[in-house]
Amino acid sequence: MTVIEGLKQIRGIVNIGGSTTESSASISLALLTSGSCVIKNVPQSLELAKLIAFVNSNLVIAKRESNLELIINTQKKFVSKDVTLTLGPEKEFLFLIPYFARERLNFKLKLEKNLIDECNVFLWLLDKFGLIKKESAISYLSDFKTSLVNQEMSIDVKTFSLEEILFCILVSIVSKSMVKIINAPRHPKLKSFLNLLKISGADILEDYSLEQDTLIVKPVDSLTAFSFSVSWSIKEAGFYSFLISSVSGALVFKGVKPSEFLPLTAKLSNWGVEVESVDENTVKVWCGREKTVDTIGEIESKPYPGLLMSWAMFTLVYLSSNGIQGSIIFPEQNLLNSFVVELNRMGATTKMESLGSGLVKVSVSSRSAISGKKIIFQDSRTVLGQFLAVLSAKGKSQVVNFNVLEKSFPNVFLNLTELGVLKNPS
């Protein structure tokens, strides 16, 4: 058990780690190339470590040359037996499926029951491309008999997450079809990945002349090896920003492009947080202890450049810990329910109501405040939100399974240890 005291003012410099989603997609693309690929700034999370170990044991050579640099050499392929892909909360193993599809390697896909709803888009895409058949409510088998037929198809990704869009592109690349991906967001991580795809020889056209931004993916016979550096983690940078907002202090973020971070920093500025662009890869964020706003009205979680799901959950902690009245509209999911219950157990005053159409509104009262409690870290998808609540709480919290944070977000653990926030945890 780890005891952590909340409301510690924080000052210093943090290096923002690489994006886990972009890392997974880059590994997936590397598997489709011929040669040796170098992927830099790959975070050392437990989920990615498992993915890399699986690739190295079952598919091709994959090894870390240094802490953050990964080498994938596809020139030596292993003779793979039929494999089972068991999905964890972060769903990284889904990104192996494009490789299996191209190589015609049979696989079985198993999901935990609580992940079925979250994987609906991935499963829909795999079915649309004819790559799977249902075995049971939680398992699917590869099915290549009718897959990847020559045809033209359109896929609307307006409501897709970044992870789902990158997966859609990768499956499109190994298909024999021309795929139009419409309503593609102008997300900086998507732009970064599209640049990588072009470097590797993928045939992708970006058409922003239409009313709906469109990506056109055409079949290619082969892709070339590449060297690429994964860009910064939007989720991690958002966590530090809301930490400053809740406990006060000042942080300098290294490795963050200010223009790409603007959708969040613009909101924070309206809430009394000071933000300065130091240079093209550095942002400074600071905030005093005085509460500068009492209410923020109603906001909705939306894809970039809107309030991302992770940012919305951090906002919920920020409102609850500071007694700021406001409402946030989320996509309805069990994960959110358990997160709100935990916040209320820590003293937050929130109310959830269904809005229909798969949406739920969480309202925070001006009487809300959170205090240290015994809390269990269980899920990598919510652990940063839980950790933010612990650090924003009055008094001490007893954290069980603190290693969930350390393994899923090792860079956060390292940064906050160096800054003294986690000094001598007991």
Protein backbone atom coordinates (compact mmCIF):
# COMPACT_ATOMS: atom_id res chain seq x y z
CA MET A 1 0.00 0.00 0.00
CA THR A 2 1.25 3.48 -0.90
CA VAL A 3 0.34 6.56 1.16
CA ILE A 4 0.18 9.81 -0.79
CA GLU A 5 -0.59 13.27 0.57
CA GLY A 6 -2.64 15.47 -1.70
CA LEU A 7 -2.56 19.16 -2.54
CA LYS A 8 1.23 19.34 -2.76
CA GLN A 9 2.25 22.33 -4.80
CA ILE A 10 4.30 21.26 -7.79
CA ARG A 11 7.08 23.02 -9.70
CA GLY A 12 9.65 21.88 -12.21
CA ILE A 13 10.19 20.41 -15.66
CA VAL A 14 8.53 17.28 -17.06
CA ASN A 15 9.40 15.43 -20.24
CA ILE A 16 6.20 14.30 -21.94
CA GLY A 17 6.45 10.69 -23.09
CA GLY A 18 5.43 9.20 -26.41
CA SER A 19 1.88 8.30 -27.41
CA THR A 20 0.92 4.67 -26.71
CA THR A 21 -1.69 4.68 -29.49
CA GLU A 22 0.76 6.03 -32.06
CA SER A 23 3.37 3.51 -30.89
CA SER A 24 0.95 0.59 -31.40
CA ALA A 25 0.02 1.82 -34.86
CA SER A 26 3.69 2.33 -35.80
CA ILE A 27 4.54 -1.22 -34.70
CA SER A 28 1.63 -2.48 -36.78
CA LEU A 29 2.90 -0.58 -39.83
CA ALA A 30 6.49 -1.80 -39.28
CA LEU A 31 5.24 -5.40 -39.47
CA LEU A 32 3.89 -4.67 -42.95
CA THR A 33 7.23 -3.43 -44.30
CA SER A 34 10.25 -5.24 -45.70
CA GLY A 35 13.43 -4.53 -43.78
CA SER A 36 14.44 -3.09 -40.44
CA CYS A 37 12.39 -0.27 -38.88
CA VAL A 38 13.50 2.04 -36.07
CA ILE A 39 10.76 3.47 -33.86
CA LYS A 40 11.90 6.05 -31.31
CA ASN A 41 10.24 7.50 -28.21
CA VAL A 42 8.23 4.31 -27.56
CA PRO A 43 6.98 4.44 -23.94
CA GLN A 44 7.90 1.59 -21.61
CA SER A 45 4.36 0.78 -20.52
CA LEU A 46 3.42 -2.75 -19.51
CA GLU A 47 0.89 -3.00 -22.34
CA LEU A 48 3.45 -2.14 -25.03
CA ALA A 49 6.02 -4.43 -23.39
CA LYS A 50 3.59 -7.34 -23.75
CA LEU A 51 2.91 -6.45 -27.39
CA ILE A 52 6.62 -6.23 -28.24
CA ALA A 53 7.37 -9.51 -26.44
CA PHE A 54 4.59 -11.26 -28.38
CA VAL A 55 5.89 -9.96 -31.71
CA ASN A 56 9.44 -11.03 -30.87
CA SER A 57 8.34 -14.51 -29.78
CA ASN A 58 5.80 -15.26 -32.51
CA LEU A 59 6.24 -13.05 -35.58
CA VAL A 60 9.50 -11.21 -36.31
CA ILE A 61 12.51 -9.84 -34.45
CA ALA A 62 11.49 -6.95 -32.18
CA LYS A 63 13.80 -5.60 -29.50
CA ARG A 64 14.62 -2.39 -27.71
CA GLU A 65 18.05 -0.98 -28.55
CA SER A 66 17.69 1.56 -25.73
CA ASN A 67 15.04 2.56 -23.22
CA LEU A 68 12.85 4.32 -25.78
CA GLU A 69 14.10 2.97 -29.14
CA LEU A 70 12.58 -0.11 -30.74
CA ILE A 71 13.97 -2.10 -33.71
CA ILE A 72 11.62 -4.30 -35.76
CA ASN A 73 13.25 -6.49 -38.40
CA THR A 74 10.79 -8.25 -40.68
CA GLN A 75 13.45 -10.00 -42.79
CA LYS A 76 13.44 -12.97 -40.44
CA LYS A 77 9.93 -14.30 -39.87
CA PHE A 78 9.04 -17.06 -37.50
CA VAL A 79 6.82 -19.98 -38.47
CA SER A 80 3.72 -19.05 -36.51
CA LYS A 81 1.12 -21.45 -35.27
CA ASP A 82 -2.47 -20.42 -34.82
CA VAL A 83 -2.46 -17.83 -32.04
CA THR A 84 -4.95 -16.43 -29.56
CA LEU A 85 -5.07 -12.66 -29.07
CA THR A 86 -6.50 -11.87 -25.65
CA LEU A 87 -7.45 -8.22 -25.38
CA GLY A 88 -6.66 -6.19 -22.29
CA PRO A 89 -8.07 -2.74 -21.48
CA GLU A 90 -5.74 -0.89 -23.86
CA LYS A 91 -6.46 -3.14 -26.87
CA GLU A 92 -2.90 -2.95 -28.30
CA PHE A 93 -3.05 -6.53 -29.60
CA LEU A 94 -5.72 -5.54 -32.11
CA PHE A 95 -2.99 -3.77 -34.07
CA LEU A 96 -1.43 -7.14 -34.94
CA ILE A 97 -4.46 -8.13 -37.02
CA PRO A 98 -3.43 -6.25 -40.21
CA TYR A 99 -0.23 -8.34 -40.24
CA PHE A 100 -2.19 -11.57 -39.71
CA ALA A 101 -4.55 -10.59 -42.51
CA ARG A 102 -1.75 -9.94 -44.99
CA GLU A 103 0.16 -13.10 -44.06
CA ARG A 104 -3.03 -15.19 -43.80
CA LEU A 105 -2.15 -16.33 -40.28
CA ASN A 106 -5.10 -17.77 -38.42
CA PHE A 107 -5.95 -16.24 -35.08
CA LYS A 108 -8.55 -16.34 -32.34
CA LEU A 109 -9.65 -13.07 -30.75
CA LYS A 110 -10.84 -13.21 -27.13
CA LEU A 111 -12.38 -10.29 -25.27
CA GLU A 112 -13.17 -9.71 -21.63
CA LYS A 113 -16.91 -9.22 -21.16
CA ASN A 114 -16.45 -5.66 -19.95
CA LEU A 115 -14.61 -4.77 -23.18
CA ILE A 116 -17.25 -5.86 -25.68
CA ASP A 117 -18.95 -2.45 -25.92
CA GLU A 118 -15.62 -0.64 -26.20
CA CYS A 119 -14.51 -2.91 -29.04
CA ASN A 120 -17.69 -2.56 -31.11
CA VAL A 121 -16.07 -0.32 -33.75
CA PHE A 122 -13.02 -2.58 -34.11
CA LEU A 123 -15.23 -5.65 -34.46
CA TRP A 124 -17.46 -3.85 -36.97
CA LEU A 125 -14.41 -2.94 -39.08
CA LEU A 126 -13.06 -6.50 -38.99
CA ASP A 127 -16.44 -7.80 -40.04
CA LYS A 128 -16.77 -5.20 -42.81
CA PHE A 129 -13.43 -6.27 -44.27
CA GLY A 130 -14.39 -9.94 -43.90
CA LEU A 131 -11.62 -10.83 -41.47
CA ILE A 132 -13.51 -12.52 -38.62
CA LYS A 133 -16.44 -14.73 -37.83
CA LYS A 134 -18.16 -14.90 -34.47
CA GLU A 135 -17.55 -17.97 -32.34
CA SER A 136 -19.26 -16.80 -29.14
CA ALA A 137 -20.23 -13.58 -27.37
CA ILE A 138 -16.59 -12.98 -26.38
CA SER A 139 -14.55 -14.79 -29.05
CA TYR A 140 -14.01 -14.50 -32.79
CA LEU A 141 -12.08 -16.56 -35.32
CA SER A 142 -10.14 -15.34 -38.35
CA ASP A 143 -12.00 -15.86 -41.60
CA PHE A 144 -10.08 -15.16 -44.80
CA LYS A 145 -12.36 -16.96 -47.25
CA THR A 146 -14.22 -13.86 -48.39
CA SER A 147 -11.93 -11.21 -46.98
CA LEU A 148 -10.29 -8.27 -48.66
CA VAL A 149 -12.17 -8.61 -51.94
CA ASN A 150 -11.61 -6.07 -54.70
CA GLN A 151 -14.18 -3.36 -54.20
CA GLU A 152 -14.55 0.28 -53.30
CA MET A 153 -15.95 1.15 -49.91
CA SER A 154 -16.58 4.22 -47.77
CA ILE A 155 -16.25 4.40 -44.01
CA ASP A 156 -17.49 7.38 -41.97
CA VAL A 157 -15.18 7.90 -38.97
CA LYS A 158 -16.88 11.00 -37.56
CA THR A 159 -17.56 9.33 -34.20
CA PHE A 160 -14.41 7.16 -34.15
CA SER A 161 -11.61 7.58 -31.65
CA LEU A 162 -8.07 8.17 -32.91
CA GLU A 163 -7.22 4.57 -32.06
CA GLU A 164 -10.12 3.32 -34.17
CA ILE A 165 -9.21 5.58 -37.11
CA LEU A 166 -5.58 4.41 -37.17
CA PHE A 167 -6.75 0.81 -37.05
CA CYS A 168 -9.17 1.48 -39.91
CA ILE A 169 -6.34 2.90 -42.04
CA LEU A 170 -4.05 -0.06 -41.35
CA VAL A 171 -6.73 -2.62 -42.23
CA SER A 172 -7.50 -0.61 -45.37
CA ILE A 173 -3.83 -0.76 -46.40
CA VAL A 174 -3.75 -4.57 -46.39
CA SER A 175 -7.07 -4.83 -48.20
CA LYS A 176 -7.42 -5.12 -51.96
CA SER A 177 -9.93 -2.30 -51.98
CA MET A 178 -9.88 1.43 -52.44
CA VAL A 179 -11.21 2.78 -49.16
CA LYS A 180 -12.60 6.27 -48.67
CA ILE A 181 -12.40 7.35 -45.04
CA ILE A 182 -14.72 10.32 -44.64
CA ASN A 183 -15.00 12.88 -41.85
CA ALA A 184 -11.36 12.31 -40.89
CA PRO A 185 -10.41 14.71 -38.08
CA ARG A 186 -7.44 17.07 -38.38
CA HIS A 187 -5.90 15.45 -35.34
CA PRO A 188 -2.15 16.09 -34.95
CA LYS A 189 -1.49 12.42 -34.17
CA LEU A 190 -3.36 11.40 -37.32
CA LYS A 191 -1.34 13.91 -39.36
CA SER A 192 1.87 12.53 -37.89
CA PHE A 193 0.88 8.97 -38.77
CA LEU A 194 -0.20 9.94 -42.29
CA ASN A 195 3.27 11.42 -42.85
CA LEU A 196 4.80 8.14 -41.70
CA LEU A 197 2.55 6.17 -44.05
CA LYS A 198 3.69 8.27 -47.01
CA ILE A 199 7.35 7.79 -46.03
CA SER A 200 6.80 4.02 -46.04
CA GLY A 201 5.22 4.10 -49.49
CA ALA A 202 1.52 3.84 -48.69
CA ASP A 203 -0.82 5.26 -51.35
CA ILE A 204 -2.95 7.73 -49.38
CA LEU A 205 -4.59 10.89 -50.66
CA GLU A 206 -5.75 13.60 -48.26
CA ASP A 207 -8.68 15.47 -49.79
CA TYR A 208 -9.76 18.52 -47.80
CA SER A 209 -11.51 20.16 -50.73
CA LEU A 210 -14.74 18.33 -49.97
CA GLU A 211 -17.29 19.29 -47.34
CA GLN A 212 -16.24 16.14 -45.49
CA ASP A 213 -12.47 15.78 -45.01
CA THR A 214 -11.59 12.54 -46.77
CA LEU A 215 -8.68 10.11 -46.84
CA ILE A 216 -8.45 7.80 -49.84
CA VAL A 217 -6.44 4.61 -49.21
CA LYS A 218 -5.42 2.56 -52.27
CA PRO A 219 -3.85 -0.91 -52.37
CA VAL A 220 -0.04 -1.19 -52.57
CA ASP A 221 2.14 -4.24 -53.22
CA SER A 222 4.80 -3.43 -50.64
CA LEU A 223 5.91 -0.93 -48.00
CA THR A 224 9.44 0.19 -47.22
CA ALA A 225 11.20 0.23 -43.86
CA PHE A 226 11.35 3.53 -41.97
CA SER A 227 12.81 5.42 -39.03
CA PHE A 228 10.24 7.35 -37.02
CA SER A 229 9.89 9.11 -33.68
CA VAL A 230 6.55 8.75 -31.90
CA SER A 231 5.03 12.11 -30.98
CA TRP A 232 4.06 13.26 -27.50
CA SER A 233 1.23 11.84 -25.41
CA ILE A 234 -1.82 14.12 -25.36
CA LYS A 235 -3.24 12.18 -22.39
CA GLU A 236 -0.09 12.59 -20.31
CA ALA A 237 0.21 16.32 -21.04
CA GLY A 238 -3.47 16.74 -20.14
CA PHE A 239 -2.90 15.00 -16.80
CA TYR A 240 -0.11 17.41 -15.80
CA SER A 241 -2.18 20.42 -16.89
CA PHE A 242 -5.10 19.48 -14.66
CA LEU A 243 -2.73 18.61 -11.83
CA ILE A 244 -1.39 22.17 -11.91
CA SER A 245 -4.97 23.48 -12.07
CA SER A 246 -5.93 21.53 -8.94
CA VAL A 247 -2.87 21.83 -6.67
CA SER A 248 -1.25 25.06 -7.99
CA GLY A 249 2.36 25.58 -9.01
CA ALA A 250 4.16 25.68 -12.35
CA LEU A 251 5.43 23.09 -14.81
CA VAL A 252 7.40 23.31 -18.02
CA PHE A 253 6.38 20.61 -20.52
CA LYS A 254 9.20 19.45 -22.78
CA GLY A 255 8.34 17.77 -26.09
CA VAL A 256 4.89 19.36 -26.55
CA LYS A 257 3.91 21.33 -29.63
CA PRO A 258 1.93 24.37 -28.37
CA SER A 259 -0.28 24.58 -31.48
CA GLU A 260 -1.38 20.95 -31.09
CA PHE A 261 -2.12 21.46 -27.39
CA LEU A 262 -4.18 24.60 -27.99
CA PRO A 263 -7.65 22.91 -27.81
CA LEU A 264 -7.02 22.18 -24.13
CA THR A 265 -4.88 25.15 -23.11
CA ALA A 266 -7.52 27.54 -24.51
CA LYS A 267 -10.08 26.05 -22.11
CA LEU A 268 -7.65 26.10 -19.20
CA SER A 269 -6.91 29.77 -19.84
CA ASN A 270 -10.62 30.53 -19.52
CA TRP A 271 -10.57 28.79 -16.13
CA GLY A 272 -7.74 30.91 -14.73
CA VAL A 273 -4.76 28.77 -15.69
CA GLU A 274 -1.82 30.59 -17.27
CA VAL A 275 -0.27 29.03 -20.37
CA GLU A 276 2.80 30.22 -22.27
CA SER A 277 4.35 28.85 -25.47
CA VAL A 278 8.09 28.90 -24.73
CA ASP A 279 9.21 27.51 -28.09
CA GLU A 280 7.93 25.10 -30.75
CA ASN A 281 8.42 22.10 -28.42
CA THR A 282 7.90 23.60 -24.97
CA VAL A 283 4.89 24.83 -23.01
CA LYS A 284 4.76 26.38 -19.53
CA VAL A 285 1.61 26.02 -17.41
CA TRP A 286 1.10 27.65 -14.01
CA CYS A 287 -1.72 28.43 -11.60
CA GLY A 288 -2.17 29.99 -8.15
CA ARG A 289 -4.16 28.58 -5.25
CA GLU A 290 -7.03 31.02 -5.59
CA LYS A 291 -10.10 29.71 -7.39
CA THR A 292 -10.83 32.08 -10.28
CA VAL A 293 -14.07 30.56 -11.59
CA ASP A 294 -17.19 29.28 -9.80
CA THR A 295 -18.96 27.70 -12.76
CA ILE A 296 -18.07 26.52 -16.27
CA GLY A 297 -21.55 25.72 -17.60
CA GLU A 298 -21.98 22.61 -19.77
CA ILE A 299 -19.32 21.06 -21.99
CA GLU A 300 -19.25 17.86 -24.03
CA SER A 301 -16.57 15.26 -24.55
CA LYS A 302 -15.80 15.08 -28.29
CA PRO A 303 -13.00 13.93 -30.60
CA TYR A 304 -10.07 16.28 -31.18
CA PRO A 305 -10.08 19.30 -31.35
CA GLY A 306 -12.88 18.91 -28.82
CA LEU A 307 -12.54 17.83 -25.18
CA LEU A 308 -11.09 14.31 -25.45
CA MET A 309 -12.47 11.58 -23.20
CA SER A 310 -9.35 11.55 -21.01
CA TRP A 311 -9.39 15.35 -20.73
CA ALA A 312 -13.09 15.24 -19.83
CA MET A 313 -12.40 12.79 -16.99
CA PHE A 314 -9.59 15.04 -15.73
CA THR A 315 -11.99 17.99 -15.94
CA LEU A 316 -14.46 16.09 -13.77
CA VAL A 317 -11.77 15.67 -11.09
CA TYR A 318 -10.81 19.35 -11.38
CA LEU A 319 -14.41 20.51 -10.88
CA SER A 320 -15.02 18.07 -8.02
CA SER A 321 -11.86 18.98 -6.10
CA ASN A 322 -12.37 22.73 -6.45
CA GLY A 323 -16.13 22.97 -5.91
CA ILE A 324 -16.73 24.40 -9.37
CA GLN A 325 -20.25 23.96 -10.67
CA GLY A 326 -20.58 22.50 -14.15
CA SER A 327 -21.73 19.60 -16.30
CA ILE A 328 -19.90 17.32 -18.71
CA ILE A 329 -21.58 15.17 -21.36
CA PHE A 330 -19.86 11.82 -21.93
CA PRO A 331 -20.45 8.80 -24.13
CA GLU A 332 -22.23 6.31 -21.88
CA GLN A 333 -19.98 3.48 -20.65
CA ASN A 334 -19.49 1.33 -17.57
CA LEU A 335 -15.97 2.67 -17.11
CA LEU A 336 -17.32 6.17 -16.46
CA ASN A 337 -19.90 4.88 -13.97
CA SER A 338 -17.27 3.26 -11.77
CA PHE A 339 -15.05 6.36 -12.00
CA VAL A 340 -17.87 8.66 -10.83
CA VAL A 341 -18.79 6.29 -7.98
CA GLU A 342 -15.17 6.41 -6.78
CA LEU A 343 -15.11 10.22 -6.93
CA ASN A 344 -18.32 10.44 -4.90
CA ARG A 345 -16.85 8.05 -2.33
CA MET A 346 -13.99 10.54 -1.93
CA GLY A 347 -16.51 13.29 -1.18
CA ALA A 348 -17.41 14.68 -4.60
CA THR A 349 -21.01 15.81 -5.09
CA THR A 350 -21.95 14.66 -8.58
CA LYS A 351 -25.09 13.43 -10.28
CA MET A 352 -25.37 11.29 -13.42
CA GLU A 353 -28.33 11.32 -15.77
CA SER A 354 -28.92 9.54 -19.05
CA LEU A 355 -29.60 11.78 -22.04
CA GLY A 356 -30.42 8.93 -24.42
CA SER A 357 -28.64 8.26 -27.71
CA GLY A 358 -25.71 6.75 -25.80
CA LEU A 359 -24.92 9.94 -23.86
CA VAL A 360 -24.82 10.68 -20.14
CA LYS A 361 -24.45 13.97 -18.28
CA VAL A 362 -22.41 14.26 -15.09
CA SER A 363 -23.17 17.39 -13.07
CA VAL A 364 -20.91 18.70 -10.28
CA SER A 365 -22.22 20.77 -7.39
CA SER A 366 -20.52 23.87 -6.02
CA ARG A 367 -20.48 22.05 -2.64
CA SER A 368 -18.20 19.36 -4.05
CA ALA A 369 -14.82 18.58 -2.49
CA ILE A 370 -12.67 15.47 -2.31
CA SER A 371 -10.66 14.08 0.60
CA GLY A 372 -8.08 11.34 0.90
CA LYS A 373 -9.46 7.80 1.13
CA LYS A 374 -8.33 4.24 0.59
CA ILE A 375 -8.45 3.70 -3.16
CA ILE A 376 -7.63 0.75 -5.41
CA PHE A 377 -5.91 1.27 -8.76
CA GLN A 378 -7.23 -1.46 -11.07
CA ASP A 379 -7.62 -0.28 -14.64
CA SER A 380 -5.00 1.39 -16.83
CA ARG A 381 -7.77 3.32 -18.63
CA THR A 382 -8.83 5.21 -15.49
CA VAL A 383 -5.69 5.10 -13.36
CA LEU A 384 -4.47 8.59 -14.37
CA GLY A 385 -7.88 10.03 -13.44
CA GLN A 386 -7.79 8.22 -10.10
CA PHE A 387 -4.23 9.39 -9.49
CA LEU A 388 -5.24 12.98 -10.27
CA ALA A 389 -8.03 12.66 -7.69
CA VAL A 390 -5.56 11.36 -5.08
CA LEU A 391 -3.14 14.24 -5.72
CA SER A 392 -6.01 16.78 -5.69
CA ALA A 393 -7.58 15.46 -2.47
CA LYS A 394 -7.28 17.06 0.95
CA GLY A 395 -5.26 14.83 3.27
CA LYS A 396 -3.69 11.45 2.72
CA SER A 397 -4.88 8.61 0.51
CA GLN A 398 -3.97 4.97 0.86
CA VAL A 399 -3.44 3.52 -2.61
CA VAL A 400 -3.66 -0.21 -3.21
CA ASN A 401 -2.09 -1.58 -6.44
CA PHE A 402 -0.05 1.56 -7.03
CA ASN A 403 2.05 -0.51 -9.44
CA VAL A 404 -0.80 -0.23 -11.98
CA LEU A 405 0.19 3.41 -12.46
CA GLU A 406 3.91 2.65 -12.42
CA LYS A 407 3.57 -0.05 -15.11
CA SER A 408 1.03 1.69 -17.36
CA PHE A 409 2.47 5.21 -17.13
CA PRO A 410 6.12 4.78 -16.09
CA ASN A 411 7.03 8.25 -17.38
CA VAL A 412 4.49 9.91 -15.07
CA PHE A 413 5.80 7.90 -12.14
CA LEU A 414 9.39 8.87 -12.96
CA ASN A 415 8.64 12.57 -13.47
CA LEU A 416 6.65 12.95 -10.24
CA THR A 417 9.24 10.99 -8.26
CA GLU A 418 11.98 13.33 -9.52
CA LEU A 419 9.82 16.36 -8.62
CA GLY A 420 9.35 15.04 -5.07
CA VAL A 421 5.60 14.49 -5.34
CA LEU A 422 6.10 10.77 -4.74
CA LYS A 423 9.11 11.19 -2.49
CA ASN A 424 9.46 8.33 -0.03
CA PRO A 425 6.01 6.81 -0.65
CA SER A 426 5.17 4.40 2.17
